[in-house]
Amino acid sequence: MLKDLGNMLKLQKELKDVQKALKKAESTAESHDGSIKATVNGEFTLVNISIDEKLLDRSNKQKLEKDIVSTINKAVGSSKEHAAKEMGKLTGGMNIPGLDKFLK
């Protein structure tokens, strides 16, 4: 019984370490033509956006807004995939109830 408790405490520490690392991780995505780049952190917060000046000259407002949203969503999706992959390494693919709250 004590060995199981020790394993759970070890897993809890490792989980916190992974969470800290994931918060610092950043994911960047580009629009289909590379003119927009968005970077989000491990908390899925937008930390940077870059728009090619040439795009501003030739783009209409609605298309630009749509491309920005799409690019940010790609970056968030990439960040979520990275977090799930890192958590999967820690848990060995086990389904642990409540673990998904750490990926939100």
Protein backbone atom coordinates (compact mmCIF):
# COMPACT_ATOMS: atom_id res chain seq x y z
CA MET A 1 0.00 0.00 0.00
CA LEU A 2 2.82 2.43 0.88
CA LYS A 3 4.55 1.63 -2.40
CA ASP A 4 1.38 2.60 -4.29
CA LEU A 5 1.20 5.85 -2.34
CA GLY A 6 4.85 6.55 -3.15
CA ASN A 7 4.19 5.92 -6.84
CA MET A 8 1.20 8.28 -6.78
CA LEU A 9 3.27 11.01 -5.10
CA LYS A 10 6.02 10.52 -7.68
CA LEU A 11 3.47 10.75 -10.50
CA GLN A 12 2.00 13.89 -8.96
CA LYS A 13 5.43 15.55 -8.86
CA GLU A 14 6.19 14.52 -12.43
CA LEU A 15 2.81 15.87 -13.52
CA LYS A 16 3.56 19.25 -11.93
CA ASP A 17 6.96 19.31 -13.66
CA VAL A 18 5.33 18.60 -17.03
CA GLN A 19 2.74 21.30 -16.38
CA LYS A 20 5.48 23.87 -15.69
CA ALA A 21 7.30 22.89 -18.88
CA LEU A 22 4.10 23.05 -20.92
CA LYS A 23 3.30 26.56 -19.66
CA LYS A 24 6.65 27.72 -21.05
CA ALA A 25 6.28 25.88 -24.36
CA GLU A 26 5.19 27.87 -27.38
CA SER A 27 3.54 26.74 -30.59
CA THR A 28 3.60 28.75 -33.79
CA ALA A 29 1.39 28.30 -36.84
CA GLU A 30 1.30 30.01 -40.22
CA SER A 31 -1.51 30.83 -42.57
CA HIS A 32 -1.75 28.80 -45.77
CA ASP A 33 0.43 31.31 -47.63
CA GLY A 34 2.79 32.07 -44.73
CA SER A 35 1.77 35.73 -44.51
CA ILE A 36 0.37 35.43 -40.97
CA LYS A 37 2.16 33.80 -38.04
CA ALA A 38 0.62 33.28 -34.61
CA THR A 39 2.33 32.02 -31.47
CA VAL A 40 0.51 30.73 -28.38
CA ASN A 41 1.93 29.55 -25.10
CA GLY A 42 1.15 26.38 -23.17
CA GLU A 43 -1.78 28.10 -21.52
CA PHE A 44 -3.26 28.64 -25.01
CA THR A 45 -2.78 32.41 -24.79
CA LEU A 46 -1.78 34.34 -27.89
CA VAL A 47 1.69 35.78 -27.25
CA ASN A 48 2.62 37.03 -30.71
CA ILE A 49 1.10 37.67 -34.09
CA SER A 50 2.94 38.72 -37.22
CA ILE A 51 1.30 39.93 -40.42
CA ASP A 52 3.31 40.48 -43.59
CA GLU A 53 2.97 44.12 -44.64
CA LYS A 54 2.36 43.08 -48.24
CA LEU A 55 -0.78 41.29 -47.08
CA LEU A 56 -2.08 44.49 -45.52
CA ASP A 57 -1.73 46.29 -48.84
CA ARG A 58 -3.63 43.72 -50.91
CA SER A 59 -6.05 42.06 -48.50
CA ASN A 60 -9.59 42.94 -47.70
CA LYS A 61 -10.59 43.26 -44.06
CA GLN A 62 -12.92 40.23 -43.86
CA LYS A 63 -10.42 37.84 -45.46
CA LEU A 64 -7.63 39.13 -43.23
CA GLU A 65 -9.73 38.64 -40.09
CA LYS A 66 -10.69 35.13 -41.17
CA ASP A 67 -7.05 34.22 -41.87
CA ILE A 68 -5.94 35.59 -38.49
CA VAL A 69 -8.56 33.57 -36.60
CA SER A 70 -7.69 30.44 -38.57
CA THR A 71 -3.97 30.83 -37.92
CA ILE A 72 -4.47 31.41 -34.19
CA ASN A 73 -6.70 28.35 -33.98
CA LYS A 74 -4.03 26.26 -35.71
CA ALA A 75 -1.45 27.42 -33.16
CA VAL A 76 -3.79 26.59 -30.26
CA GLY A 77 -4.48 23.16 -31.76
CA SER A 78 -0.76 22.52 -32.10
CA SER A 79 -0.20 23.54 -28.50
CA LYS A 80 -2.96 21.21 -27.31
CA GLU A 81 -1.52 18.32 -29.31
CA HIS A 82 1.90 18.94 -27.78
CA ALA A 83 0.41 19.01 -24.26
CA ALA A 84 -1.50 15.77 -24.86
CA LYS A 85 1.64 14.10 -26.21
CA GLU A 86 3.71 15.16 -23.19
CA MET A 87 1.01 14.02 -20.75
CA GLY A 88 0.73 10.73 -22.62
CA LYS A 89 4.45 10.14 -22.12
CA LEU A 90 3.98 10.63 -18.40
CA THR A 91 0.96 8.39 -18.03
CA GLY A 92 2.01 5.73 -20.50
CA GLY A 93 -1.33 6.12 -22.29
CA MET A 94 -3.37 5.34 -19.16
CA ASN A 95 -6.71 7.07 -18.90
CA ILE A 96 -6.52 8.97 -15.62
CA PRO A 97 -9.81 10.59 -14.53
CA GLY A 98 -9.50 14.35 -14.18
CA LEU A 99 -6.22 14.58 -16.09
CA ASP A 100 -7.96 16.33 -18.98
CA LYS A 101 -8.51 19.41 -16.78
CA PHE A 102 -4.77 20.06 -17.01
CA LEU A 103 -5.03 20.35 -20.79
CA LYS A 104 -7.66 23.09 -20.79
